[in-house]
């Protein structure tokens, strides 16, 4: 369905002719049009529902980006990046000065309910065709997507309306608490009615195994560990997913829709003008300097995340002490030497002379250099990262750059897209869920059930892949790639019985830490923190430690509190509902 999913979204918008705004009534005429009351029409509507996985419904696409990059900015994994004055509304979110009128919040709300409206259109129009039973698969896909959109709303806001197909014509419903049971029912319908594999040539479509994976995740998010573990175990033991041989394959064009991908947003640079089928929501996250020549330098990894990749002599992470000191960074160091008048000094060949800098020489997990761009290490095939010159504003976002969502030099022709005002749109897929994520969620549930051997086994599957993958290689100043590793990479699985010997608390820390190492800069951290009882302490401690890099910068931010685990209901949504929606108590 890749081509179909990516090529007719604009046409669907014209066919539907509706605003997708929550609390507005969808035009009935367009949905009852005879042209849609057949299998082709239902499929067209379904493509539209898949289309909103990317979050782009109206306005600036980054406000509601489906890849979760700006949600990471609210955690200890990432900084907003760019300059403090660029995207001031996001700066206020990053600094925990949250108000219900922040446009990022309403845009996300609007996009998710817009996706739900499109799913309901599929279901309602399918019910009008001559033989609706023949469209059960399409209805099941729509209910899968509807569950996904509601799941996002539930996790982000806590108390939200559930809008089913019967409420589509009048969706102005109150938010009266959690909607977990309805989300579970939609995923269960998808499990019961979807095929076990996606149609050939249409890898973006949901299948029964993906539905099982997401239902297990719903249970995990609620702390229902028995239910989650049982389903995770079924997917692991009987499902079709496998870890890719190479960790980095999850972030390349060549690795799209591989064996590890459970559900991915399908992006591509071919098709409509300005590469509108590519990832418009992440356009701000490309490097703000260097060979990309791009805007805008947002979404920079934190020092804390970089420190988490330290390993000991046995190749295991430093669960309790990783942040006692920082790995070497080039904060405040100029990229190139200058003379007394500030002119860059060049060598005999006319190349700028770098300032002296040696990257961290201690032991590191090799995943760091496929996740974080740091000085002295190759950046996605473009040569040595020279540091400050490739970073938009070090003083505001730190010295690191994101690598996972940035295209690779050797794939420019197939993944580098361009937008209307010179921005760049990546054609790399975004994995909403991949198999490594599922393995570590299974381990999380198993730890809480004291199934420590099983949890250790699933963590070690992920660690063994990291151990056996191809390590990033050293690049010399002249661009020569050597056979030497780019850093001192030391990683090993946990020895058999470690979790059992060390106990449940140790195993819990190990699983949570592994999620950061494997999934850092993929938009999952905020949801992980919501499951952890000590999220407030994690963020407040991070602010203190991160100020070793920034001085007293983070100490001037607002305090992260329990209420920051959920967003305030957008005031615009409340106003549009004429008071039917209520602000959650903690945000009144």
Protein backbone atom coordinates (compact mmCIF):
# COMPACT_ATOMS: atom_id res chain seq x y z
CA UNK A 1 0.00 0.00 0.00
CA UNK A 2 3.05 2.23 0.06
CA UNK A 3 2.34 4.04 -3.19
CA UNK A 4 -1.37 4.19 -2.46
CA UNK A 5 -0.83 5.53 1.03
CA UNK A 6 1.47 8.24 -0.23
CA UNK A 7 -0.01 9.39 -3.48
CA UNK A 8 -3.65 10.29 -2.99
CA UNK A 9 -3.85 12.05 0.37
CA UNK A 10 -4.48 15.42 -1.25
CA UNK A 11 -7.17 13.94 -3.45
CA UNK A 12 -8.86 12.46 -0.40
CA UNK A 13 -8.93 15.81 1.29
CA UNK A 14 -10.74 17.22 -1.71
CA UNK A 15 -13.17 14.29 -1.76
CA UNK A 16 -14.01 14.52 1.92
CA UNK A 17 -14.30 18.27 1.94
CA UNK A 18 -14.29 18.34 5.76
CA UNK A 19 -12.22 20.21 8.30
CA UNK A 20 -11.28 17.29 10.56
CA UNK A 21 -11.56 19.72 13.48
CA UNK A 22 -12.82 18.15 16.67
CA UNK A 23 -16.24 19.49 17.72
CA UNK A 24 -17.19 20.47 14.15
CA UNK A 25 -19.77 18.44 12.26
CA UNK A 26 -18.40 16.66 9.21
CA UNK A 27 -20.25 17.51 5.99
CA UNK A 28 -22.68 14.67 5.36
CA UNK A 29 -23.08 15.25 1.66
CA UNK A 30 -19.54 14.33 0.75
CA UNK A 31 -19.63 11.11 2.78
CA UNK A 32 -22.95 10.01 1.31
CA UNK A 33 -21.84 10.69 -2.22
CA UNK A 34 -22.54 7.64 -4.33
CA UNK A 35 -18.97 7.57 -5.63
CA UNK A 36 -17.69 6.52 -2.19
CA UNK A 37 -20.27 3.81 -1.49
CA UNK A 38 -18.24 0.96 -2.98
CA UNK A 39 -15.02 -0.85 -2.28
CA UNK A 40 -12.88 1.66 -4.17
CA UNK A 41 -14.42 4.53 -2.28
CA UNK A 42 -13.88 2.85 1.07
CA UNK A 43 -10.27 2.10 0.18
CA UNK A 44 -9.78 5.74 -0.78
CA UNK A 45 -11.10 6.82 2.61
CA UNK A 46 -8.87 4.27 4.33
CA UNK A 47 -5.81 5.71 2.62
CA UNK A 48 -6.82 9.06 4.07
CA UNK A 49 -6.95 7.57 7.55
CA UNK A 50 -3.47 6.09 7.16
CA UNK A 51 -2.35 9.45 5.82
CA UNK A 52 -2.89 11.13 9.18
CA UNK A 53 -0.41 8.87 10.94
CA UNK A 54 2.10 11.57 10.03
CA UNK A 55 0.06 14.11 12.01
CA UNK A 56 -0.05 16.74 9.27
CA UNK A 57 -3.57 18.05 8.94
CA UNK A 58 -3.26 21.84 8.70
CA UNK A 59 -0.87 24.68 9.47
CA UNK A 60 2.79 24.07 10.24
CA UNK A 61 3.44 20.32 9.99
CA UNK A 62 5.93 20.17 12.86
CA UNK A 63 3.28 21.23 15.39
CA UNK A 64 1.62 17.81 15.23
CA UNK A 65 4.41 15.67 13.80
CA UNK A 66 3.60 11.98 13.99
CA UNK A 67 7.18 10.91 14.75
CA UNK A 68 7.11 12.33 18.28
CA UNK A 69 10.30 14.35 17.99
CA UNK A 70 9.06 17.35 19.94
CA UNK A 71 7.65 15.09 22.65
CA UNK A 72 11.23 13.91 23.23
CA UNK A 73 12.17 17.54 23.84
CA UNK A 74 10.06 17.43 27.01
CA UNK A 75 12.26 14.66 28.46
CA UNK A 76 15.84 14.01 29.53
CA UNK A 77 16.74 12.61 26.10
CA UNK A 78 16.75 15.80 24.05
CA UNK A 79 16.86 19.58 23.90
CA UNK A 80 14.72 21.68 21.59
CA UNK A 81 17.82 22.89 19.82
CA UNK A 82 18.11 25.78 17.41
CA UNK A 83 17.93 29.07 19.32
CA UNK A 84 15.78 29.79 22.34
CA UNK A 85 13.80 32.39 20.40
CA UNK A 86 13.00 30.07 17.48
CA UNK A 87 9.64 28.32 18.00
CA UNK A 88 8.95 30.06 21.30
CA UNK A 89 5.86 27.93 21.94
CA UNK A 90 8.03 24.81 21.92
CA UNK A 91 10.58 26.57 24.10
CA UNK A 92 7.83 27.09 26.69
CA UNK A 93 7.00 23.40 26.57
CA UNK A 94 10.67 22.45 26.94
CA UNK A 95 11.02 24.68 29.99
CA UNK A 96 7.82 23.27 31.59
CA UNK A 97 5.90 26.52 31.32
CA UNK A 98 2.77 24.85 30.01
CA UNK A 99 -0.50 26.60 29.26
CA UNK A 100 -3.63 25.31 27.59
CA UNK A 101 -3.35 27.84 24.75
CA UNK A 102 -0.06 26.46 23.42
CA UNK A 103 -0.60 25.81 19.69
CA UNK A 104 1.53 22.65 19.76
CA UNK A 105 -1.01 21.06 22.07
CA UNK A 106 -4.09 21.97 20.05
CA UNK A 107 -2.42 20.98 16.78
CA UNK A 108 -1.64 17.53 18.18
CA UNK A 109 -5.19 17.21 19.55
CA UNK A 110 -6.68 18.32 16.25
CA UNK A 111 -4.58 15.92 14.17
CA UNK A 112 -5.43 12.92 16.33
CA UNK A 113 -9.15 13.60 16.30
CA UNK A 114 -8.89 14.32 12.59
CA UNK A 115 -7.45 10.83 12.14
CA UNK A 116 -10.31 9.40 14.20
CA UNK A 117 -12.85 11.20 12.03
CA UNK A 118 -11.32 9.68 8.92
CA UNK A 119 -11.43 6.21 10.47
CA UNK A 120 -15.11 6.68 11.31
CA UNK A 121 -15.77 7.75 7.72
CA UNK A 122 -14.33 4.42 6.53
CA UNK A 123 -16.57 2.46 8.90
CA UNK A 124 -19.72 4.44 8.17
CA UNK A 125 -19.35 4.41 4.40
CA UNK A 126 -18.49 0.70 4.45
CA UNK A 127 -21.83 0.13 6.15
CA UNK A 128 -23.62 1.72 3.21
CA UNK A 129 -22.25 -0.50 0.46
CA UNK A 130 -24.30 -3.35 -0.94
CA UNK A 131 -22.28 -6.11 0.76
CA UNK A 132 -20.56 -4.58 3.82
CA UNK A 133 -19.35 -7.99 5.02
CA UNK A 134 -16.94 -8.00 2.10
CA UNK A 135 -15.23 -4.96 3.61
CA UNK A 136 -14.54 -6.41 7.06
CA UNK A 137 -10.79 -6.11 6.56
CA UNK A 138 -11.03 -2.41 5.75
CA UNK A 139 -13.26 -1.85 8.77
CA UNK A 140 -10.76 -3.71 10.94
CA UNK A 141 -7.91 -1.55 9.63
CA UNK A 142 -9.94 1.56 10.39
CA UNK A 143 -10.61 0.35 13.91
CA UNK A 144 -6.91 -0.41 14.37
CA UNK A 145 -6.04 3.13 13.35
CA UNK A 146 -8.85 4.57 15.46
CA UNK A 147 -7.47 2.70 18.47
CA UNK A 148 -3.99 4.05 17.75
CA UNK A 149 -5.17 7.66 17.57
CA UNK A 150 -7.24 7.30 20.75
CA UNK A 151 -4.28 5.60 22.45
CA UNK A 152 -2.13 8.63 21.72
CA UNK A 153 -4.80 10.94 23.11
CA UNK A 154 -5.26 8.81 26.23
CA UNK A 155 -1.55 8.72 26.99
CA UNK A 156 -1.02 12.44 26.40
CA UNK A 157 -4.13 13.89 28.06
CA UNK A 158 -5.53 11.21 30.35
CA UNK A 159 -9.21 12.18 30.13
CA UNK A 160 -10.49 12.47 26.56
CA UNK A 161 -13.70 11.69 24.65
CA UNK A 162 -13.91 8.48 22.67
CA UNK A 163 -15.48 9.19 19.28
CA UNK A 164 -16.91 6.09 17.58
CA UNK A 165 -18.62 5.83 14.22
CA UNK A 166 -22.03 6.44 15.80
CA UNK A 167 -20.86 9.77 17.22
CA UNK A 168 -19.26 11.03 14.02
CA UNK A 169 -22.13 13.29 13.04
CA UNK A 170 -22.18 14.91 16.48
CA UNK A 171 -18.78 14.37 18.11
CA UNK A 172 -19.20 17.02 20.80
CA UNK A 173 -18.85 14.68 23.76
CA UNK A 174 -17.54 15.30 27.30
CA UNK A 175 -14.26 13.95 28.60
CA UNK A 176 -15.29 11.84 31.54
CA UNK A 177 -12.17 9.83 32.27
CA UNK A 178 -10.06 7.08 30.75
CA UNK A 179 -11.15 5.26 27.58
CA UNK A 180 -8.88 2.20 27.86
CA UNK A 181 -11.71 -0.31 27.43
CA UNK A 182 -12.78 1.18 24.11
CA UNK A 183 -9.21 1.29 22.82
CA UNK A 184 -8.81 -2.36 23.75
CA UNK A 185 -12.07 -3.27 22.00
CA UNK A 186 -10.94 -1.65 18.76
CA UNK A 187 -7.58 -3.41 18.81
CA UNK A 188 -9.29 -6.72 19.64
CA UNK A 189 -11.63 -6.31 16.66
CA UNK A 190 -8.56 -5.74 14.50
CA UNK A 191 -6.92 -8.89 15.89
CA UNK A 192 -10.02 -10.95 15.14
CA UNK A 193 -10.59 -9.63 11.63
CA UNK A 194 -7.26 -8.69 10.07
CA UNK A 195 -5.07 -11.13 8.10
CA UNK A 196 -1.81 -12.23 9.68
CA UNK A 197 0.27 -10.46 7.07
CA UNK A 198 -0.07 -7.26 5.09
CA UNK A 199 -0.92 -7.59 1.40
CA UNK A 200 2.05 -8.09 -0.91
CA UNK A 201 3.51 -4.77 -1.95
CA UNK A 202 1.57 -2.85 0.72
CA UNK A 203 3.81 -3.03 3.82
CA UNK A 204 2.30 0.04 5.47
CA UNK A 205 -0.98 -1.70 6.26
CA UNK A 206 -1.79 -3.11 9.69
CA UNK A 207 -2.17 -6.84 10.25
CA UNK A 208 -3.34 -9.04 13.12
CA UNK A 209 0.15 -9.41 14.60
CA UNK A 210 0.62 -5.65 14.70
CA UNK A 211 -2.76 -5.34 16.40
CA UNK A 212 -1.66 -7.86 19.04
CA UNK A 213 1.55 -5.92 19.63
CA UNK A 214 -0.36 -2.70 20.16
CA UNK A 215 -2.97 -4.30 22.42
CA UNK A 216 -0.15 -5.62 24.60
CA UNK A 217 1.32 -2.13 24.71
CA UNK A 218 -2.04 -0.74 25.84
CA UNK A 219 -2.09 -3.22 28.72
CA UNK A 220 1.51 -2.38 29.63
CA UNK A 221 0.75 1.34 29.75
CA UNK A 222 -1.99 0.59 32.29
CA UNK A 223 0.25 -1.60 34.43
CA UNK A 224 -1.70 -4.74 33.45
CA UNK A 225 1.39 -6.89 33.30
CA UNK A 226 -0.16 -10.34 33.09
CA UNK A 227 -2.32 -9.41 30.12
CA UNK A 228 0.57 -7.60 28.43
CA UNK A 229 3.08 -10.40 28.96
CA UNK A 230 0.76 -13.07 27.59
CA UNK A 231 0.22 -11.19 24.32
CA UNK A 232 3.85 -10.10 23.99
CA UNK A 233 4.87 -13.74 24.42
CA UNK A 234 2.50 -14.81 21.66
CA UNK A 235 3.93 -12.22 19.26
CA UNK A 236 7.52 -13.15 20.14
CA UNK A 237 7.00 -16.91 19.89
CA UNK A 238 4.61 -17.07 16.96
CA UNK A 239 4.70 -13.76 15.10
CA UNK A 240 6.62 -12.85 11.94
CA UNK A 241 8.91 -10.15 13.33
CA UNK A 242 12.69 -10.43 13.75
CA UNK A 243 15.50 -8.09 14.70
CA UNK A 244 17.34 -6.65 11.73
CA UNK A 245 20.93 -7.78 11.54
CA UNK A 246 22.11 -4.19 11.58
CA UNK A 247 20.77 -1.73 14.16
CA UNK A 248 21.20 1.12 11.70
CA UNK A 249 18.96 -0.56 9.10
CA UNK A 250 16.02 0.81 11.06
CA UNK A 251 17.06 4.33 10.06
CA UNK A 252 17.94 3.98 6.38
CA UNK A 253 16.01 4.02 3.16
CA UNK A 254 17.30 0.57 2.24
CA UNK A 255 16.01 -0.80 5.55
CA UNK A 256 12.43 0.43 5.18
CA UNK A 257 9.72 -2.07 6.13
CA UNK A 258 12.25 -4.70 7.17
CA UNK A 259 11.62 -7.66 9.44
CA UNK A 260 11.87 -5.45 12.53
CA UNK A 261 9.16 -2.98 11.52
CA UNK A 262 5.78 -3.64 13.16
CA UNK A 263 4.09 -0.40 12.09
CA UNK A 264 5.75 2.48 10.27
CA UNK A 265 4.69 5.81 8.85
CA UNK A 266 5.43 5.50 5.16
CA UNK A 267 7.45 8.42 3.83
CA UNK A 268 8.87 8.93 0.32
CA UNK A 269 10.28 11.78 -1.74
CA UNK A 270 8.54 10.89 -4.99
CA UNK A 271 5.08 12.15 -5.88
CA UNK A 272 3.52 15.58 -5.36
CA UNK A 273 5.36 18.93 -5.42
CA UNK A 274 7.64 19.90 -2.53
CA UNK A 275 7.96 16.21 -1.62
CA UNK A 276 4.73 16.38 0.33
CA UNK A 277 4.81 12.59 0.84
CA UNK A 278 8.04 12.90 2.84
CA UNK A 279 8.33 13.67 6.54
CA UNK A 280 7.30 17.31 6.68
CA UNK A 281 6.86 17.18 10.44
CA UNK A 282 10.57 16.64 11.06
CA UNK A 283 11.77 19.37 8.71
CA UNK A 284 13.06 21.42 11.64
CA UNK A 285 15.23 18.59 12.94
CA UNK A 286 17.86 18.50 10.20
CA UNK A 287 21.30 19.94 11.07
CA UNK A 288 21.49 23.71 11.13
CA UNK A 289 24.85 23.73 9.38
CA UNK A 290 27.36 21.57 7.59
CA UNK A 291 26.92 19.59 4.36
CA UNK A 292 23.12 19.40 4.60
CA UNK A 293 22.77 23.11 3.96
CA UNK A 294 19.48 22.76 5.78
CA UNK A 295 17.19 24.34 8.25
CA UNK A 296 16.91 24.30 11.25
CA UNK A 297 18.99 22.51 13.86
CA UNK A 298 16.23 21.43 16.24
CA UNK A 299 16.05 18.20 18.30
CA UNK A 300 19.49 17.79 19.82
CA UNK A 301 20.43 14.84 22.07
CA UNK A 302 21.15 15.65 25.70
CA UNK A 303 24.43 15.15 27.52
CA UNK A 304 22.55 12.77 29.82
CA UNK A 305 21.58 10.56 26.91
CA UNK A 306 25.16 10.58 25.63
CA UNK A 307 26.46 9.60 29.08
CA UNK A 308 24.04 6.68 29.26
CA UNK A 309 26.04 4.85 26.56
CA UNK A 310 29.05 4.35 28.84
CA UNK A 311 29.96 0.74 29.57
CA UNK A 312 32.22 -0.94 32.09
CA UNK A 313 35.12 -3.30 31.40
CA UNK A 314 32.69 -6.21 31.02
CA UNK A 315 30.62 -4.33 28.42
CA UNK A 316 27.60 -3.63 30.63
CA UNK A 317 25.98 -0.22 31.18
CA UNK A 318 26.73 1.85 34.27
CA UNK A 319 23.18 1.73 35.61
CA UNK A 320 23.81 3.80 38.74
CA UNK A 321 26.88 5.84 37.90
CA UNK A 322 26.71 6.66 34.19
CA UNK A 323 25.92 10.30 34.88
CA UNK A 324 28.52 10.89 37.58
CA UNK A 325 30.68 12.50 34.90
CA UNK A 326 30.24 13.55 31.27
CA UNK A 327 31.72 11.95 28.20
CA UNK A 328 34.02 14.34 26.40
CA UNK A 329 32.21 17.08 24.47
CA UNK A 330 33.21 20.19 22.58
CA UNK A 331 30.81 22.63 24.22
CA UNK A 332 32.09 26.16 23.55
CA UNK A 333 35.05 25.01 21.47
CA UNK A 334 35.38 26.55 18.02
CA UNK A 335 35.61 24.12 15.12
CA UNK A 336 38.63 25.79 13.52
CA UNK A 337 41.64 27.75 14.59
CA UNK A 338 41.64 31.49 14.02
CA UNK A 339 44.32 34.17 13.98
CA UNK A 340 44.36 37.25 16.20
CA UNK A 341 41.94 39.01 13.86
CA UNK A 342 39.42 36.17 13.94
CA UNK A 343 40.19 34.78 10.49
CA UNK A 344 40.12 31.00 10.05
CA UNK A 345 43.61 29.59 9.61
CA UNK A 346 44.07 27.34 6.57
CA UNK A 347 46.66 24.68 5.82
CA UNK A 348 48.77 24.53 2.66
CA UNK A 349 45.88 23.02 0.70
CA UNK A 350 43.44 25.72 1.71
CA UNK A 351 41.58 23.59 4.26
CA UNK A 352 40.62 25.09 7.62
CA UNK A 353 42.77 23.87 10.50
CA UNK A 354 40.67 22.22 13.22
CA UNK A 355 41.10 23.14 16.85
CA UNK A 356 42.62 20.36 18.93
CA UNK A 357 40.00 17.91 20.16
CA UNK A 358 39.98 14.24 21.16
CA UNK A 359 36.64 12.38 21.43
CA UNK A 360 35.87 10.33 24.53
CA UNK A 361 38.28 7.42 24.85
CA UNK A 362 36.42 5.38 27.49
CA UNK A 363 34.21 2.37 26.81
CA UNK A 364 30.97 3.02 24.94
CA UNK A 365 27.99 1.10 23.64
CA UNK A 366 28.36 1.19 19.81
CA UNK A 367 24.76 2.35 19.38
CA UNK A 368 25.80 5.83 20.52
CA UNK A 369 27.32 6.71 17.16
CA UNK A 370 24.25 5.68 15.17
CA UNK A 371 22.11 7.78 17.52
CA UNK A 372 24.09 10.89 18.44
CA UNK A 373 26.19 13.07 16.16
CA UNK A 374 29.32 14.15 18.05
CA UNK A 375 32.52 15.88 17.14
CA UNK A 376 35.33 13.76 15.74
CA UNK A 377 33.02 10.96 14.55
CA UNK A 378 31.60 10.44 11.06
CA UNK A 379 28.15 11.97 10.57
CA UNK A 380 26.03 9.74 8.31
CA UNK A 381 28.69 9.41 5.63
CA UNK A 382 29.49 13.13 5.38
CA UNK A 383 32.84 12.85 7.09
CA UNK A 384 34.11 13.96 10.47
CA UNK A 385 31.68 16.04 12.45
CA UNK A 386 33.71 19.23 13.09
CA UNK A 387 31.62 20.33 16.05
CA UNK A 388 30.30 23.84 16.58
CA UNK A 389 30.17 24.85 12.91
CA UNK A 390 27.57 22.17 12.23
CA UNK A 391 25.40 23.04 15.23
CA UNK A 392 22.85 25.83 14.99
CA UNK A 393 23.36 27.25 18.50
CA UNK A 394 25.54 25.29 20.91
CA UNK A 395 24.81 27.59 23.83
CA UNK A 396 21.08 26.90 23.54
CA UNK A 397 20.93 23.26 22.45
CA UNK A 398 24.28 21.73 23.34
CA UNK A 399 27.00 20.16 21.17
CA UNK A 400 25.21 17.06 19.83
CA UNK A 401 23.10 16.35 16.73
CA UNK A 402 20.42 13.76 15.99
CA UNK A 403 21.44 11.05 13.52
CA UNK A 404 18.52 8.64 13.34
CA UNK A 405 16.08 10.86 11.41
CA UNK A 406 18.77 12.44 9.25
CA UNK A 407 19.27 10.95 5.79
CA UNK A 408 22.57 9.33 4.83
CA UNK A 409 24.93 10.64 2.18
CA UNK A 410 24.79 7.47 0.10
CA UNK A 411 20.98 7.66 0.05
CA UNK A 412 20.49 11.31 -0.86
CA UNK A 413 18.91 10.38 -4.17
CA UNK A 414 16.20 8.28 -2.56
CA UNK A 415 15.60 9.97 0.81
CA UNK A 416 16.51 13.66 0.54
CA UNK A 417 13.46 15.77 -0.27
CA UNK A 418 12.88 19.51 -0.42
CA UNK A 419 10.03 21.80 0.60
CA UNK A 420 8.58 25.09 -0.56
CA UNK A 421 10.83 27.51 1.32
CA UNK A 422 14.08 25.58 1.15
CA UNK A 423 13.44 23.18 4.01
CA UNK A 424 14.22 19.49 3.64
CA UNK A 425 11.76 16.61 3.92
CA UNK A 426 13.21 13.20 4.68
CA UNK A 427 11.98 10.10 2.88
CA UNK A 428 12.97 7.81 5.76
CA UNK A 429 10.14 5.86 7.37
CA UNK A 430 9.34 6.38 11.03
CA UNK A 431 8.80 3.17 13.00
CA UNK A 432 5.90 3.72 15.37
CA UNK A 433 6.78 0.32 16.78
CA UNK A 434 9.63 -2.01 15.95
CA UNK A 435 10.51 -5.45 17.26
CA UNK A 436 13.30 -4.31 19.60
CA UNK A 437 10.79 -1.98 21.24
CA UNK A 438 8.40 -4.91 21.69
CA UNK A 439 11.10 -7.17 23.16
CA UNK A 440 11.97 -4.54 25.74
CA UNK A 441 8.31 -3.90 26.58
CA UNK A 442 7.93 -7.63 27.11
CA UNK A 443 10.97 -7.54 29.39
CA UNK A 444 9.42 -4.66 31.32
CA UNK A 445 6.26 -6.65 31.98
CA UNK A 446 8.28 -9.75 32.86
CA UNK A 447 10.32 -7.87 35.45
CA UNK A 448 7.15 -6.68 37.18
CA UNK A 449 5.92 -10.30 37.21
CA UNK A 450 9.29 -11.41 38.61
CA UNK A 451 9.94 -13.46 35.46
CA UNK A 452 13.56 -12.34 35.57
CA UNK A 453 15.10 -15.05 33.39
CA UNK A 454 12.65 -14.28 30.59
CA UNK A 455 13.28 -10.54 30.91
CA UNK A 456 17.04 -11.08 30.80
CA UNK A 457 16.69 -13.19 27.68
CA UNK A 458 14.75 -10.52 25.82
CA UNK A 459 17.14 -7.76 26.86
CA UNK A 460 20.05 -9.91 25.71
CA UNK A 461 18.46 -10.43 22.30
CA UNK A 462 18.67 -6.67 21.82
CA UNK A 463 22.16 -6.40 23.28
CA UNK A 464 23.51 -9.26 21.20
CA UNK A 465 22.28 -7.58 18.05
CA UNK A 466 24.12 -4.43 19.11
CA UNK A 467 27.25 -6.45 19.90
CA UNK A 468 27.29 -8.23 16.54
CA UNK A 469 26.30 -5.33 14.28
CA UNK A 470 28.77 -3.40 12.13
CA UNK A 471 30.48 -0.73 14.23
CA UNK A 472 31.05 2.77 12.91
CA UNK A 473 34.59 3.14 11.58
CA UNK A 474 37.23 5.78 12.11
CA UNK A 475 37.41 8.54 9.52
CA UNK A 476 40.64 10.49 9.05
CA UNK A 477 40.83 14.23 8.47
CA UNK A 478 41.29 13.66 4.72
CA UNK A 479 38.10 11.58 4.56
CA UNK A 480 39.76 8.18 4.49
CA UNK A 481 37.71 5.50 6.24
CA UNK A 482 39.91 3.06 8.13
CA UNK A 483 39.23 -0.41 9.45
CA UNK A 484 39.52 0.83 13.04
CA UNK A 485 36.43 1.42 15.15
CA UNK A 486 35.51 5.08 15.56
CA UNK A 487 35.57 4.76 19.36
CA UNK A 488 36.24 2.21 22.08
CA UNK A 489 33.15 0.09 21.69
CA UNK A 490 32.67 -2.51 24.42
CA UNK A 491 29.33 -4.27 24.78
CA UNK A 492 28.27 -7.67 26.03
CA UNK A 493 25.00 -9.33 27.04
CA UNK A 494 24.20 -9.91 30.69
CA UNK A 495 25.67 -13.19 31.94
CA UNK A 496 23.08 -15.91 32.43
CA UNK A 497 21.34 -15.50 35.77
CA UNK A 498 22.43 -11.90 36.37
CA UNK A 499 18.89 -10.58 36.77
CA UNK A 500 17.93 -13.35 39.17
CA UNK A 501 21.11 -12.93 41.20
CA UNK A 502 20.86 -9.15 41.40
CA UNK A 503 17.12 -9.04 42.00
CA UNK A 504 14.05 -7.33 40.65
CA UNK A 505 15.14 -3.73 41.31
CA UNK A 506 18.36 -4.28 39.37
CA UNK A 507 16.49 -5.95 36.51
CA UNK A 508 14.03 -3.07 36.38
CA UNK A 509 16.85 -0.53 36.09
CA UNK A 510 18.55 -2.64 33.41
CA UNK A 511 15.41 -2.86 31.26
CA UNK A 512 14.63 0.83 31.55
CA UNK A 513 18.19 1.77 30.73
CA UNK A 514 18.22 -0.55 27.73
CA UNK A 515 15.19 1.23 26.31
CA UNK A 516 17.14 4.49 26.28
CA UNK A 517 20.14 2.88 24.59
CA UNK A 518 18.07 1.16 21.93
CA UNK A 519 15.27 3.68 21.39
CA UNK A 520 16.82 7.04 22.23
CA UNK A 521 15.75 9.84 19.84
CA UNK A 522 12.79 7.83 18.53
CA UNK A 523 10.00 9.63 20.40
CA UNK A 524 9.29 6.95 23.03
CA UNK A 525 10.86 8.43 26.15
CA UNK A 526 7.90 10.55 27.26
CA UNK A 527 5.60 7.52 27.24
CA UNK A 528 8.16 5.46 29.14
CA UNK A 529 8.42 8.12 31.83
CA UNK A 530 4.65 8.09 32.22
CA UNK A 531 4.91 4.43 33.28
CA UNK A 532 7.66 5.06 35.81
CA UNK A 533 6.72 6.08 39.35
CA UNK A 534 9.78 8.31 39.71
CA UNK A 535 9.43 10.41 36.55
CA UNK A 536 9.42 13.71 38.47
CA UNK A 537 12.71 12.89 40.21
CA UNK A 538 14.23 11.67 36.93
CA UNK A 539 13.53 14.98 35.19
CA UNK A 540 14.50 17.22 38.10
CA UNK A 541 17.76 15.30 38.64
CA UNK A 542 18.45 15.51 34.92
CA UNK A 543 18.07 19.29 34.97
CA UNK A 544 20.63 19.55 37.74
CA UNK A 545 23.11 17.24 36.04
CA UNK A 546 22.66 18.75 32.59
CA UNK A 547 23.65 22.13 33.97
CA UNK A 548 27.19 20.82 34.23
CA UNK A 549 27.13 21.51 30.49
CA UNK A 550 25.05 24.69 30.44
CA UNK A 551 25.85 26.43 33.70
CA UNK A 552 22.63 27.48 35.43
CA UNK A 553 20.45 27.32 32.33
CA UNK A 554 18.09 24.47 33.25
CA UNK A 555 17.78 25.61 36.86
CA UNK A 556 15.91 28.66 35.57
CA UNK A 557 13.24 26.51 33.92
CA UNK A 558 9.90 25.70 35.48
CA UNK A 559 9.65 22.76 37.87
CA UNK A 560 8.55 19.45 36.41
CA UNK A 561 5.58 18.26 38.48
CA UNK A 562 3.20 15.31 38.49
CA UNK A 563 0.75 17.33 36.40
CA UNK A 564 3.38 17.57 33.65
CA UNK A 565 2.86 13.86 32.98
CA UNK A 566 -0.32 14.94 31.17
CA UNK A 567 -1.08 17.88 28.91
CA UNK A 568 -3.80 20.42 29.73
CA UNK A 569 -6.86 20.12 27.49
CA UNK A 570 -6.38 22.76 24.75
CA UNK A 571 -8.46 25.83 25.50
CA UNK A 572 -9.44 26.08 21.83
CA UNK A 573 -11.01 22.60 22.00
CA UNK A 574 -12.90 23.59 25.16
CA UNK A 575 -14.15 26.78 23.50
CA UNK A 576 -15.24 24.95 20.35
CA UNK A 577 -17.17 22.47 22.48
CA UNK A 578 -19.16 25.28 24.12
CA UNK A 579 -18.12 24.02 27.51
CA UNK A 580 -18.86 20.33 26.96
CA UNK A 581 -15.18 19.52 27.43
CA UNK A 582 -13.76 20.17 30.88
CA UNK A 583 -10.22 21.04 31.86
CA UNK A 584 -8.58 18.31 33.94
CA UNK A 585 -8.47 19.10 37.65
CA UNK A 586 -4.70 19.38 37.89
CA UNK A 587 -4.67 22.06 35.17
CA UNK A 588 -7.57 24.20 36.41
